[in-house]
Amino acid sequence: MKKTTQLGALICTMLCASTALAANGDMPGDMPGTVIARVRAVNLDFDNSSSPLAGIAANNTTIPEVDVSYFFTSNIAAELVLTYPQSVGIDVNGTNIGSLDALPPTLTVQYHFMPDSPYFRPYVGAGVNYTNFSSVNLAGGNDTVQNSSWGAALQAGFDVPITANILFNLDIKKIYMKTDVSANGAYVSTLTLDPVLLGVGLGWKF
C-alpha cells in the first residue's frame, strides 16, 4: 500500500509540473530532428518453452537499458535500444544448470500519437531484435546454444513531460527470441524465450 501511495504521489507531481509548464508555454512538442535519450530499468519476463525436450527455461531478470529516439517527423521516430551483455540463468525442470550472456539490441520505428501534448504522449512501435548469446557456462561443459537470434519486436509506451527537456517514460515490448541447445555437439532442443520487457525510466530531450 505504501509503494502504491508513493507511486500515485509521484505521478501526480509530474502531471502538476507538466500542467504548470504548459500554462507558461514552456513545454515544446517533439519536432522533426528532436533526439530523446532515455535510461530505463527493464524487467525481462521470459515466455519459456522448449521442444522436443521440455523443461528448459531462462530465469527472469532485471537489466539496465539505454535507448535513443530520433524524430523524422512530429509523429514518426526510430528508437535504438542498447545495453551490455546480461547474464541469464538457465534451468532444467527447475534446477539451475548454469548461465549465458545475452546482448539484445533492438531497433523499432514508432508512431507518436500526441507529440505536442503537455501531459501524456503515447506511442506504438514495431521493428527487429538481434540477440547475441555468449559466455555459455552450462552443466557438462560441452553444452552450447546457438550464437544468435533474429526476431520481431513490438512496442507500446508513453512519455510524461516533467520539464521542457525531461520526460518520465513507461515502455513495454514483446521480443520474439529463440535459440537451439546442443550437448556434446548434438542438437538437444529449441528454447523459445519470447520475453516481455517492462521498462521504466527517464528521458532527456535534445
N, C-alpha and C. Protein backbone atom coordinates (compact mmCIF):
# COMPACT_ATOMS: atom_id res chain seq x y z
N MET A 1 0.83 -1.20 0.00
CA MET A 1 0.00 0.00 0.00
C MET A 1 0.87 1.25 0.00
N LYS A 2 1.97 1.22 0.79
CA LYS A 2 2.85 2.38 0.87
C LYS A 2 3.47 2.68 -0.48
N LYS A 3 3.93 1.63 -1.21
CA LYS A 3 4.53 1.82 -2.52
C LYS A 3 3.51 2.38 -3.51
N THR A 4 2.27 1.89 -3.43
CA THR A 4 1.21 2.39 -4.33
C THR A 4 0.96 3.87 -4.09
N THR A 5 0.92 4.27 -2.80
CA THR A 5 0.70 5.67 -2.46
C THR A 5 1.83 6.55 -2.97
N GLN A 6 3.07 6.08 -2.81
CA GLN A 6 4.22 6.84 -3.27
C GLN A 6 4.20 7.00 -4.79
N LEU A 7 3.86 5.92 -5.51
CA LEU A 7 3.79 5.98 -6.97
C LEU A 7 2.72 6.96 -7.42
N GLY A 8 1.55 6.92 -6.75
CA GLY A 8 0.49 7.85 -7.09
C GLY A 8 0.90 9.29 -6.86
N ALA A 9 1.61 9.53 -5.77
CA ALA A 9 2.08 10.89 -5.48
C ALA A 9 3.09 11.36 -6.51
N LEU A 10 3.97 10.46 -6.95
CA LEU A 10 4.97 10.81 -7.95
C LEU A 10 4.32 11.18 -9.28
N ILE A 11 3.36 10.36 -9.72
CA ILE A 11 2.66 10.64 -10.98
C ILE A 11 1.91 11.95 -10.90
N CYS A 12 1.26 12.19 -9.76
CA CYS A 12 0.53 13.45 -9.57
C CYS A 12 1.46 14.65 -9.65
N THR A 13 2.65 14.53 -9.03
CA THR A 13 3.63 15.61 -9.06
C THR A 13 4.08 15.90 -10.49
N MET A 14 4.33 14.83 -11.27
CA MET A 14 4.78 15.02 -12.65
C MET A 14 3.70 15.67 -13.50
N LEU A 15 2.46 15.25 -13.31
CA LEU A 15 1.36 15.84 -14.09
C LEU A 15 1.14 17.30 -13.72
N CYS A 16 1.26 17.62 -12.43
CA CYS A 16 1.10 19.01 -11.99
C CYS A 16 2.21 19.88 -12.56
N ALA A 17 3.45 19.33 -12.59
CA ALA A 17 4.58 20.08 -13.13
C ALA A 17 4.39 20.34 -14.62
N SER A 18 3.93 19.32 -15.36
CA SER A 18 3.74 19.50 -16.79
C SER A 18 2.62 20.49 -17.08
N THR A 19 1.57 20.49 -16.22
CA THR A 19 0.47 21.44 -16.39
C THR A 19 0.96 22.87 -16.21
N ALA A 20 1.78 23.08 -15.17
CA ALA A 20 2.31 24.42 -14.90
C ALA A 20 3.18 24.91 -16.04
N LEU A 21 4.04 24.04 -16.57
CA LEU A 21 4.91 24.43 -17.68
C LEU A 21 4.11 24.71 -18.93
N ALA A 22 3.09 23.88 -19.18
CA ALA A 22 2.26 24.09 -20.36
C ALA A 22 1.56 25.45 -20.29
N ALA A 23 1.10 25.82 -19.08
CA ALA A 23 0.42 27.09 -18.92
C ALA A 23 1.35 28.26 -19.22
N ASN A 24 2.63 28.05 -19.01
CA ASN A 24 3.62 29.09 -19.28
C ASN A 24 4.17 29.01 -20.71
N GLY A 25 3.66 28.07 -21.50
CA GLY A 25 4.13 27.90 -22.87
C GLY A 25 5.55 27.39 -22.95
N ASP A 26 6.00 26.63 -21.92
CA ASP A 26 7.39 26.20 -21.83
C ASP A 26 7.53 24.70 -22.06
N MET A 27 6.58 24.08 -22.77
CA MET A 27 6.60 22.64 -22.98
C MET A 27 6.52 22.34 -24.47
N PRO A 28 7.63 22.47 -25.21
CA PRO A 28 7.60 22.26 -26.66
C PRO A 28 7.31 20.81 -27.01
N GLY A 29 6.70 20.60 -28.17
CA GLY A 29 6.42 19.25 -28.63
C GLY A 29 7.65 18.61 -29.25
N ASP A 30 7.46 17.37 -29.70
CA ASP A 30 8.54 16.63 -30.35
C ASP A 30 8.53 16.97 -31.85
N MET A 31 9.52 17.73 -32.29
CA MET A 31 9.58 18.23 -33.64
C MET A 31 10.55 17.39 -34.48
N PRO A 32 10.49 17.48 -35.82
CA PRO A 32 11.49 16.80 -36.65
C PRO A 32 12.90 17.21 -36.24
N GLY A 33 13.75 16.20 -36.10
CA GLY A 33 15.12 16.44 -35.65
C GLY A 33 15.31 16.32 -34.16
N THR A 34 14.22 16.19 -33.38
CA THR A 34 14.34 16.00 -31.94
C THR A 34 15.00 14.66 -31.62
N VAL A 35 15.88 14.65 -30.64
CA VAL A 35 16.50 13.42 -30.15
C VAL A 35 16.14 13.27 -28.68
N ILE A 36 15.68 12.08 -28.30
CA ILE A 36 15.40 11.77 -26.90
C ILE A 36 16.27 10.59 -26.48
N ALA A 37 17.07 10.79 -25.46
CA ALA A 37 17.89 9.71 -24.89
C ALA A 37 17.25 9.30 -23.57
N ARG A 38 17.01 8.01 -23.41
CA ARG A 38 16.35 7.50 -22.20
C ARG A 38 17.25 6.49 -21.48
N VAL A 39 17.07 6.44 -20.17
CA VAL A 39 17.68 5.40 -19.34
C VAL A 39 16.54 4.69 -18.62
N ARG A 40 16.50 3.36 -18.75
CA ARG A 40 15.41 2.59 -18.15
C ARG A 40 15.96 1.43 -17.31
N ALA A 41 15.17 1.04 -16.33
CA ALA A 41 15.32 -0.27 -15.68
C ALA A 41 14.27 -1.17 -16.31
N VAL A 42 14.70 -2.34 -16.81
CA VAL A 42 13.81 -3.20 -17.60
C VAL A 42 13.74 -4.59 -16.98
N ASN A 43 12.52 -5.06 -16.75
CA ASN A 43 12.31 -6.42 -16.28
C ASN A 43 12.00 -7.33 -17.46
N LEU A 44 12.79 -8.41 -17.61
CA LEU A 44 12.58 -9.40 -18.66
C LEU A 44 11.80 -10.57 -18.09
N ASP A 45 10.61 -10.79 -18.61
CA ASP A 45 9.76 -11.91 -18.20
C ASP A 45 9.70 -12.88 -19.38
N PHE A 46 10.49 -13.96 -19.27
CA PHE A 46 10.61 -14.90 -20.39
C PHE A 46 9.38 -15.80 -20.49
N ASP A 47 8.89 -15.98 -21.72
CA ASP A 47 7.78 -16.88 -22.01
C ASP A 47 8.40 -18.20 -22.49
N ASN A 48 8.95 -18.96 -21.54
CA ASN A 48 9.77 -20.12 -21.88
C ASN A 48 8.96 -21.28 -22.42
N SER A 49 9.49 -21.88 -23.48
CA SER A 49 9.01 -23.18 -23.94
C SER A 49 10.16 -23.85 -24.67
N SER A 50 10.25 -25.17 -24.55
CA SER A 50 11.33 -25.90 -25.24
C SER A 50 10.78 -27.18 -25.84
N SER A 51 11.29 -27.51 -27.01
CA SER A 51 10.83 -28.69 -27.73
C SER A 51 11.95 -29.20 -28.64
N PRO A 52 12.16 -30.50 -28.75
CA PRO A 52 11.34 -31.59 -28.19
C PRO A 52 11.61 -31.90 -26.72
N LEU A 53 12.71 -31.41 -26.14
CA LEU A 53 12.98 -31.66 -24.73
C LEU A 53 12.35 -30.54 -23.91
N ALA A 54 11.34 -30.88 -23.13
CA ALA A 54 10.63 -29.87 -22.33
C ALA A 54 11.41 -29.56 -21.05
N GLY A 55 11.09 -28.40 -20.45
CA GLY A 55 11.63 -28.10 -19.14
C GLY A 55 12.82 -27.18 -19.12
N ILE A 56 13.37 -26.81 -20.29
CA ILE A 56 14.49 -25.86 -20.32
C ILE A 56 13.92 -24.45 -20.25
N ALA A 57 14.49 -23.61 -19.37
CA ALA A 57 13.92 -22.28 -19.17
C ALA A 57 15.00 -21.29 -18.76
N ALA A 58 14.82 -20.03 -19.21
CA ALA A 58 15.67 -18.92 -18.78
C ALA A 58 15.01 -18.24 -17.59
N ASN A 59 15.83 -17.76 -16.65
CA ASN A 59 15.31 -17.09 -15.46
C ASN A 59 15.00 -15.63 -15.75
N ASN A 60 13.86 -15.15 -15.25
CA ASN A 60 13.53 -13.73 -15.37
C ASN A 60 14.59 -12.88 -14.69
N THR A 61 14.83 -11.70 -15.22
CA THR A 61 15.87 -10.83 -14.67
C THR A 61 15.54 -9.37 -14.95
N THR A 62 16.21 -8.47 -14.24
CA THR A 62 16.07 -7.03 -14.46
C THR A 62 17.41 -6.48 -14.93
N ILE A 63 17.38 -5.67 -16.00
CA ILE A 63 18.61 -5.17 -16.60
C ILE A 63 18.53 -3.66 -16.80
N PRO A 64 19.69 -2.99 -16.89
CA PRO A 64 19.70 -1.58 -17.28
C PRO A 64 19.63 -1.45 -18.80
N GLU A 65 19.08 -0.35 -19.28
CA GLU A 65 18.93 -0.15 -20.72
C GLU A 65 19.09 1.32 -21.06
N VAL A 66 19.71 1.59 -22.19
CA VAL A 66 19.82 2.94 -22.74
C VAL A 66 19.23 2.91 -24.15
N ASP A 67 18.43 3.90 -24.49
CA ASP A 67 17.91 3.97 -25.85
C ASP A 67 17.93 5.40 -26.36
N VAL A 68 17.97 5.52 -27.66
CA VAL A 68 17.97 6.83 -28.32
C VAL A 68 16.89 6.84 -29.39
N SER A 69 16.02 7.85 -29.35
CA SER A 69 14.98 8.01 -30.36
C SER A 69 15.27 9.26 -31.19
N TYR A 70 15.09 9.14 -32.51
CA TYR A 70 15.25 10.28 -33.42
C TYR A 70 13.94 10.49 -34.16
N PHE A 71 13.43 11.74 -34.13
CA PHE A 71 12.16 12.06 -34.77
C PHE A 71 12.37 12.54 -36.20
N PHE A 72 11.84 11.78 -37.16
CA PHE A 72 11.88 12.19 -38.57
C PHE A 72 10.78 13.21 -38.86
N THR A 73 9.63 13.01 -38.21
CA THR A 73 8.53 13.99 -38.24
C THR A 73 8.04 14.12 -36.80
N SER A 74 7.01 14.91 -36.59
CA SER A 74 6.46 15.03 -35.23
C SER A 74 5.86 13.73 -34.73
N ASN A 75 5.46 12.85 -35.66
CA ASN A 75 4.81 11.60 -35.28
C ASN A 75 5.68 10.36 -35.45
N ILE A 76 6.64 10.40 -36.37
CA ILE A 76 7.43 9.20 -36.71
C ILE A 76 8.83 9.32 -36.14
N ALA A 77 9.23 8.29 -35.39
CA ALA A 77 10.57 8.25 -34.81
C ALA A 77 11.14 6.85 -34.92
N ALA A 78 12.46 6.75 -34.85
CA ALA A 78 13.15 5.46 -34.77
C ALA A 78 13.85 5.38 -33.43
N GLU A 79 13.76 4.22 -32.78
CA GLU A 79 14.39 4.03 -31.48
C GLU A 79 15.39 2.88 -31.54
N LEU A 80 16.61 3.12 -31.07
CA LEU A 80 17.63 2.09 -30.96
C LEU A 80 17.86 1.82 -29.48
N VAL A 81 17.65 0.56 -29.07
CA VAL A 81 17.79 0.15 -27.67
C VAL A 81 19.10 -0.58 -27.49
N LEU A 82 19.88 -0.17 -26.50
CA LEU A 82 21.20 -0.75 -26.27
C LEU A 82 21.37 -1.13 -24.80
N THR A 83 22.19 -2.14 -24.54
CA THR A 83 22.64 -2.49 -23.20
C THR A 83 23.95 -3.22 -23.36
N TYR A 84 24.51 -3.72 -22.29
CA TYR A 84 25.71 -4.55 -22.37
C TYR A 84 25.31 -6.01 -22.13
N PRO A 85 26.16 -7.00 -22.44
CA PRO A 85 25.77 -8.40 -22.26
C PRO A 85 25.28 -8.69 -20.84
N GLN A 86 24.09 -9.31 -20.76
CA GLN A 86 23.46 -9.58 -19.48
C GLN A 86 23.49 -11.07 -19.17
N SER A 87 23.83 -11.41 -17.93
CA SER A 87 23.86 -12.81 -17.51
C SER A 87 22.44 -13.31 -17.26
N VAL A 88 22.12 -14.47 -17.84
CA VAL A 88 20.80 -15.07 -17.70
C VAL A 88 20.98 -16.51 -17.20
N GLY A 89 20.34 -16.84 -16.09
CA GLY A 89 20.40 -18.21 -15.57
C GLY A 89 19.53 -19.15 -16.39
N ILE A 90 19.98 -20.40 -16.53
CA ILE A 90 19.25 -21.42 -17.28
C ILE A 90 18.91 -22.58 -16.35
N ASP A 91 17.64 -22.99 -16.36
CA ASP A 91 17.17 -24.11 -15.55
C ASP A 91 16.70 -25.25 -16.44
N VAL A 92 16.76 -26.45 -15.89
CA VAL A 92 16.09 -27.61 -16.49
C VAL A 92 15.20 -28.22 -15.41
N ASN A 93 13.90 -28.18 -15.65
CA ASN A 93 12.91 -28.68 -14.70
C ASN A 93 13.11 -28.06 -13.31
N GLY A 94 13.41 -26.75 -13.29
CA GLY A 94 13.52 -26.02 -12.04
C GLY A 94 14.87 -26.07 -11.37
N THR A 95 15.82 -26.82 -11.93
CA THR A 95 17.17 -26.91 -11.36
C THR A 95 18.14 -26.13 -12.23
N ASN A 96 18.88 -25.22 -11.61
CA ASN A 96 19.82 -24.40 -12.36
C ASN A 96 20.96 -25.25 -12.91
N ILE A 97 21.27 -25.06 -14.20
CA ILE A 97 22.38 -25.81 -14.81
C ILE A 97 23.48 -24.87 -15.32
N GLY A 98 23.35 -23.56 -15.03
CA GLY A 98 24.39 -22.64 -15.47
C GLY A 98 23.80 -21.32 -15.96
N SER A 99 24.56 -20.66 -16.81
CA SER A 99 24.13 -19.34 -17.29
C SER A 99 24.74 -19.05 -18.64
N LEU A 100 24.26 -17.98 -19.27
CA LEU A 100 24.83 -17.47 -20.50
C LEU A 100 24.64 -15.96 -20.51
N ASP A 101 25.38 -15.28 -21.37
CA ASP A 101 25.23 -13.83 -21.54
C ASP A 101 24.42 -13.55 -22.80
N ALA A 102 23.50 -12.61 -22.70
CA ALA A 102 22.67 -12.21 -23.85
C ALA A 102 22.82 -10.72 -24.08
N LEU A 103 23.09 -10.34 -25.32
CA LEU A 103 23.18 -8.94 -25.74
C LEU A 103 22.08 -8.70 -26.77
N PRO A 104 20.99 -7.96 -26.39
CA PRO A 104 19.80 -7.89 -27.26
C PRO A 104 19.48 -6.50 -27.82
N PRO A 105 20.34 -5.90 -28.67
CA PRO A 105 19.96 -4.60 -29.25
C PRO A 105 18.69 -4.71 -30.10
N THR A 106 17.87 -3.65 -30.05
CA THR A 106 16.59 -3.66 -30.74
C THR A 106 16.38 -2.33 -31.45
N LEU A 107 15.87 -2.38 -32.67
CA LEU A 107 15.57 -1.19 -33.45
C LEU A 107 14.09 -1.20 -33.81
N THR A 108 13.38 -0.13 -33.44
CA THR A 108 11.96 -0.03 -33.77
C THR A 108 11.66 1.29 -34.46
N VAL A 109 10.60 1.29 -35.23
CA VAL A 109 10.03 2.51 -35.80
C VAL A 109 8.73 2.78 -35.04
N GLN A 110 8.59 4.01 -34.54
CA GLN A 110 7.48 4.35 -33.65
C GLN A 110 6.53 5.36 -34.30
N TYR A 111 5.26 5.26 -33.89
CA TYR A 111 4.29 6.30 -34.21
C TYR A 111 3.85 6.94 -32.90
N HIS A 112 4.06 8.25 -32.77
CA HIS A 112 3.68 9.01 -31.58
C HIS A 112 2.37 9.73 -31.85
N PHE A 113 1.35 9.43 -31.01
CA PHE A 113 0.00 9.91 -31.28
C PHE A 113 -0.20 11.38 -30.94
N MET A 114 0.39 11.85 -29.84
CA MET A 114 0.14 13.22 -29.40
C MET A 114 1.47 13.90 -29.06
N PRO A 115 2.30 14.16 -30.06
CA PRO A 115 3.64 14.68 -29.78
C PRO A 115 3.66 16.06 -29.16
N ASP A 116 2.56 16.81 -29.26
CA ASP A 116 2.52 18.16 -28.70
C ASP A 116 1.81 18.23 -27.35
N SER A 117 1.32 17.08 -26.84
CA SER A 117 0.59 17.10 -25.58
C SER A 117 1.53 17.44 -24.41
N PRO A 118 1.14 18.34 -23.54
CA PRO A 118 1.96 18.68 -22.37
C PRO A 118 1.79 17.69 -21.22
N TYR A 119 0.87 16.70 -21.38
CA TYR A 119 0.56 15.82 -20.26
C TYR A 119 0.95 14.36 -20.51
N PHE A 120 0.69 13.87 -21.73
CA PHE A 120 0.73 12.42 -21.96
C PHE A 120 0.99 12.17 -23.45
N ARG A 121 2.08 11.48 -23.77
CA ARG A 121 2.46 11.28 -25.17
C ARG A 121 2.64 9.77 -25.45
N PRO A 122 1.56 9.09 -25.85
CA PRO A 122 1.65 7.65 -26.12
C PRO A 122 2.25 7.35 -27.48
N TYR A 123 2.77 6.12 -27.62
CA TYR A 123 3.33 5.68 -28.89
C TYR A 123 3.23 4.17 -29.02
N VAL A 124 3.32 3.71 -30.24
CA VAL A 124 3.45 2.28 -30.54
C VAL A 124 4.62 2.13 -31.50
N GLY A 125 5.18 0.93 -31.54
CA GLY A 125 6.31 0.71 -32.43
C GLY A 125 6.44 -0.74 -32.84
N ALA A 126 7.20 -0.97 -33.89
CA ALA A 126 7.50 -2.32 -34.36
C ALA A 126 8.87 -2.30 -35.02
N GLY A 127 9.57 -3.42 -34.92
CA GLY A 127 10.92 -3.46 -35.50
C GLY A 127 11.54 -4.83 -35.39
N VAL A 128 12.84 -4.85 -35.17
CA VAL A 128 13.58 -6.10 -35.18
C VAL A 128 14.54 -6.15 -34.00
N ASN A 129 14.73 -7.35 -33.47
CA ASN A 129 15.68 -7.59 -32.39
C ASN A 129 16.75 -8.56 -32.86
N TYR A 130 17.99 -8.26 -32.50
CA TYR A 130 19.10 -9.19 -32.70
C TYR A 130 19.70 -9.49 -31.34
N THR A 131 19.75 -10.76 -30.96
CA THR A 131 20.33 -11.15 -29.68
C THR A 131 21.55 -12.03 -29.92
N ASN A 132 22.67 -11.64 -29.33
CA ASN A 132 23.89 -12.43 -29.40
C ASN A 132 24.09 -13.14 -28.06
N PHE A 133 24.26 -14.47 -28.12
CA PHE A 133 24.49 -15.27 -26.93
C PHE A 133 25.98 -15.60 -26.82
N SER A 134 26.55 -15.42 -25.62
CA SER A 134 27.97 -15.67 -25.41
C SER A 134 28.21 -16.13 -23.97
N SER A 135 29.46 -16.43 -23.65
CA SER A 135 29.86 -16.84 -22.29
C SER A 135 28.94 -17.92 -21.75
N VAL A 136 28.69 -18.94 -22.58
CA VAL A 136 27.81 -20.04 -22.17
C VAL A 136 28.54 -20.92 -21.16
N ASN A 137 27.91 -21.08 -20.01
CA ASN A 137 28.50 -21.89 -18.94
C ASN A 137 27.43 -22.81 -18.39
N LEU A 138 27.24 -23.94 -19.04
CA LEU A 138 26.19 -24.89 -18.66
C LEU A 138 26.81 -26.18 -18.14
N ALA A 139 26.02 -26.90 -17.35
CA ALA A 139 26.49 -28.16 -16.77
C ALA A 139 26.93 -29.12 -17.86
N GLY A 140 28.01 -29.81 -17.62
CA GLY A 140 28.54 -30.75 -18.60
C GLY A 140 29.71 -30.18 -19.37
N GLY A 141 29.83 -28.85 -19.41
CA GLY A 141 30.99 -28.22 -20.02
C GLY A 141 30.94 -28.13 -21.52
N ASN A 142 30.27 -29.08 -22.17
CA ASN A 142 30.23 -29.09 -23.64
C ASN A 142 28.86 -28.68 -24.18
N ASP A 143 27.97 -28.26 -23.29
CA ASP A 143 26.65 -27.82 -23.72
C ASP A 143 26.76 -26.40 -24.29
N THR A 144 26.09 -26.15 -25.39
CA THR A 144 26.18 -24.85 -26.05
C THR A 144 24.79 -24.40 -26.50
N VAL A 145 24.70 -23.14 -26.92
CA VAL A 145 23.49 -22.61 -27.54
C VAL A 145 23.89 -21.96 -28.86
N GLN A 146 22.91 -21.83 -29.73
CA GLN A 146 23.12 -21.12 -31.00
C GLN A 146 23.59 -19.70 -30.71
N ASN A 147 24.54 -19.18 -31.50
CA ASN A 147 25.19 -17.91 -31.20
C ASN A 147 24.26 -16.71 -31.23
N SER A 148 23.23 -16.73 -32.08
CA SER A 148 22.44 -15.51 -32.25
C SER A 148 20.99 -15.84 -32.60
N SER A 149 20.15 -14.81 -32.42
CA SER A 149 18.73 -14.93 -32.73
C SER A 149 18.24 -13.63 -33.35
N TRP A 150 17.46 -13.74 -34.42
CA TRP A 150 16.78 -12.59 -35.04
C TRP A 150 15.29 -12.77 -34.83
N GLY A 151 14.59 -11.70 -34.49
CA GLY A 151 13.15 -11.81 -34.31
C GLY A 151 12.48 -10.45 -34.33
N ALA A 152 11.16 -10.48 -34.44
CA ALA A 152 10.37 -9.25 -34.46
C ALA A 152 10.29 -8.65 -33.06
N ALA A 153 10.02 -7.35 -33.01
CA ALA A 153 9.84 -6.63 -31.75
C ALA A 153 8.60 -5.75 -31.87
N LEU A 154 7.72 -5.81 -30.89
CA LEU A 154 6.53 -4.97 -30.82
C LEU A 154 6.64 -4.11 -29.56
N GLN A 155 6.07 -2.91 -29.61
CA GLN A 155 6.32 -1.94 -28.55
C GLN A 155 5.12 -1.03 -28.33
N ALA A 156 4.89 -0.63 -27.09
CA ALA A 156 3.93 0.41 -26.75
C ALA A 156 4.43 1.11 -25.49
N GLY A 157 4.11 2.38 -25.36
CA GLY A 157 4.55 3.11 -24.19
C GLY A 157 4.05 4.54 -24.20
N PHE A 158 4.54 5.30 -23.23
CA PHE A 158 4.18 6.71 -23.19
C PHE A 158 5.25 7.51 -22.46
N ASP A 159 5.33 8.79 -22.79
CA ASP A 159 6.16 9.75 -22.09
C ASP A 159 5.26 10.75 -21.36
N VAL A 160 5.69 11.14 -20.17
CA VAL A 160 5.02 12.22 -19.43
C VAL A 160 6.04 13.33 -19.21
N PRO A 161 5.86 14.50 -19.82
CA PRO A 161 6.81 15.59 -19.61
C PRO A 161 6.87 16.01 -18.14
N ILE A 162 8.08 16.12 -17.61
CA ILE A 162 8.29 16.63 -16.25
C ILE A 162 8.73 18.09 -16.32
N THR A 163 9.70 18.37 -17.21
CA THR A 163 10.10 19.73 -17.54
C THR A 163 10.12 19.83 -19.06
N ALA A 164 10.60 20.93 -19.59
CA ALA A 164 10.65 21.11 -21.03
C ALA A 164 11.55 20.08 -21.70
N ASN A 165 12.55 19.56 -20.97
CA ASN A 165 13.52 18.67 -21.59
C ASN A 165 13.67 17.33 -20.88
N ILE A 166 12.88 17.06 -19.85
CA ILE A 166 12.97 15.80 -19.11
C ILE A 166 11.61 15.12 -19.13
N LEU A 167 11.61 13.80 -19.40
CA LEU A 167 10.39 13.02 -19.54
C LEU A 167 10.43 11.80 -18.62
N PHE A 168 9.28 11.45 -18.06
CA PHE A 168 9.11 10.15 -17.42
C PHE A 168 8.61 9.19 -18.49
N ASN A 169 9.15 7.96 -18.52
CA ASN A 169 8.79 7.01 -19.58
C ASN A 169 8.41 5.65 -19.00
N LEU A 170 7.34 5.10 -19.56
CA LEU A 170 6.96 3.71 -19.29
C LEU A 170 6.83 3.02 -20.63
N ASP A 171 7.45 1.83 -20.75
CA ASP A 171 7.55 1.18 -22.06
C ASP A 171 7.40 -0.33 -21.89
N ILE A 172 6.69 -0.97 -22.81
CA ILE A 172 6.56 -2.41 -22.82
C ILE A 172 6.84 -2.94 -24.21
N LYS A 173 7.64 -4.00 -24.27
CA LYS A 173 7.98 -4.62 -25.55
C LYS A 173 7.73 -6.12 -25.49
N LYS A 174 7.42 -6.68 -26.64
CA LYS A 174 7.37 -8.13 -26.83
C LYS A 174 8.44 -8.47 -27.86
N ILE A 175 9.40 -9.29 -27.46
CA ILE A 175 10.51 -9.67 -28.33
C ILE A 175 10.40 -11.15 -28.66
N TYR A 176 10.53 -11.48 -29.94
CA TYR A 176 10.48 -12.88 -30.36
C TYR A 176 11.92 -13.38 -30.51
N MET A 177 12.28 -14.36 -29.65
CA MET A 177 13.67 -14.76 -29.50
C MET A 177 13.74 -16.27 -29.21
N LYS A 178 14.65 -16.97 -29.88
CA LYS A 178 14.83 -18.39 -29.59
C LYS A 178 16.26 -18.81 -29.92
N THR A 179 16.65 -19.97 -29.38
CA THR A 179 17.98 -20.49 -29.63
C THR A 179 17.96 -22.01 -29.54
N ASP A 180 18.85 -22.65 -30.27
CA ASP A 180 19.00 -24.11 -30.21
C ASP A 180 20.02 -24.48 -29.14
N VAL A 181 19.71 -25.51 -28.37
CA VAL A 181 20.59 -26.01 -27.32
C VAL A 181 21.20 -27.33 -27.78
N SER A 182 22.53 -27.44 -27.63
CA SER A 182 23.24 -28.66 -28.01
C SER A 182 24.05 -29.18 -26.83
N ALA A 183 24.28 -30.48 -26.80
CA ALA A 183 25.11 -31.11 -25.78
C ALA A 183 26.11 -32.02 -26.47
N ASN A 184 27.40 -31.78 -26.21
CA ASN A 184 28.47 -32.56 -26.84
C ASN A 184 28.36 -32.57 -28.36
N GLY A 185 27.93 -31.43 -28.91
CA GLY A 185 27.85 -31.28 -30.36
C GLY A 185 26.57 -31.79 -30.97
N ALA A 186 25.68 -32.38 -30.18
CA ALA A 186 24.43 -32.94 -30.71
C ALA A 186 23.24 -32.06 -30.31
N TYR A 187 22.37 -31.79 -31.27
CA TYR A 187 21.18 -30.97 -31.01
C TYR A 187 20.31 -31.63 -29.94
N VAL A 188 19.85 -30.83 -28.98
CA VAL A 188 19.01 -31.33 -27.90
C VAL A 188 17.59 -30.79 -28.01
N SER A 189 17.47 -29.45 -28.12
CA SER A 189 16.14 -28.85 -28.10
C SER A 189 16.22 -27.41 -28.58
N THR A 190 15.08 -26.85 -28.98
CA THR A 190 14.96 -25.43 -29.28
C THR A 190 14.28 -24.74 -28.11
N LEU A 191 14.96 -23.73 -27.55
CA LEU A 191 14.43 -22.96 -26.44
C LEU A 191 13.84 -21.66 -26.98
N THR A 192 12.53 -21.51 -26.86
CA THR A 192 11.84 -20.29 -27.26
C THR A 192 11.69 -19.39 -26.05
N LEU A 193 12.25 -18.18 -26.12
CA LEU A 193 12.30 -17.28 -24.97
C LEU A 193 11.19 -16.23 -24.99
N ASP A 194 11.02 -15.55 -26.13
CA ASP A 194 9.94 -14.58 -26.37
C ASP A 194 9.60 -13.73 -25.14
N PRO A 195 10.56 -12.96 -24.60
CA PRO A 195 10.30 -12.22 -23.38
C PRO A 195 9.38 -11.01 -23.58
N VAL A 196 8.68 -10.65 -22.50
CA VAL A 196 8.02 -9.36 -22.38
C VAL A 196 8.93 -8.47 -21.54
N LEU A 197 9.23 -7.27 -22.05
CA LEU A 197 10.13 -6.34 -21.38
C LEU A 197 9.33 -5.14 -20.88
N LEU A 198 9.29 -4.97 -19.57
CA LEU A 198 8.60 -3.82 -18.98
C LEU A 198 9.65 -2.87 -18.43
N GLY A 199 9.71 -1.66 -18.99
CA GLY A 199 10.74 -0.71 -18.62
C GLY A 199 10.17 0.58 -18.06
N VAL A 200 10.89 1.17 -17.11
CA VAL A 200 10.51 2.46 -16.55
C VAL A 200 11.78 3.29 -16.41
N GLY A 201 11.68 4.58 -16.74
CA GLY A 201 12.89 5.39 -16.66
C GLY A 201 12.62 6.85 -16.98
N LEU A 202 13.72 7.54 -17.28
CA LEU A 202 13.68 8.97 -17.60
C LEU A 202 14.29 9.21 -18.97
N GLY A 203 13.79 10.26 -19.64
CA GLY A 203 14.34 10.64 -20.94
C GLY A 203 14.77 12.10 -20.93
N TRP A 204 15.78 12.39 -21.74
CA TRP A 204 16.28 13.76 -21.90
C TRP A 204 16.17 14.15 -23.36
N LYS A 205 15.54 15.30 -23.63
CA LYS A 205 15.28 15.76 -24.99
C LYS A 205 16.38 16.73 -25.43
N PHE A 206 16.86 16.54 -26.66
CA PHE A 206 17.90 17.40 -27.22
C PHE A 206 17.41 17.99 -28.55
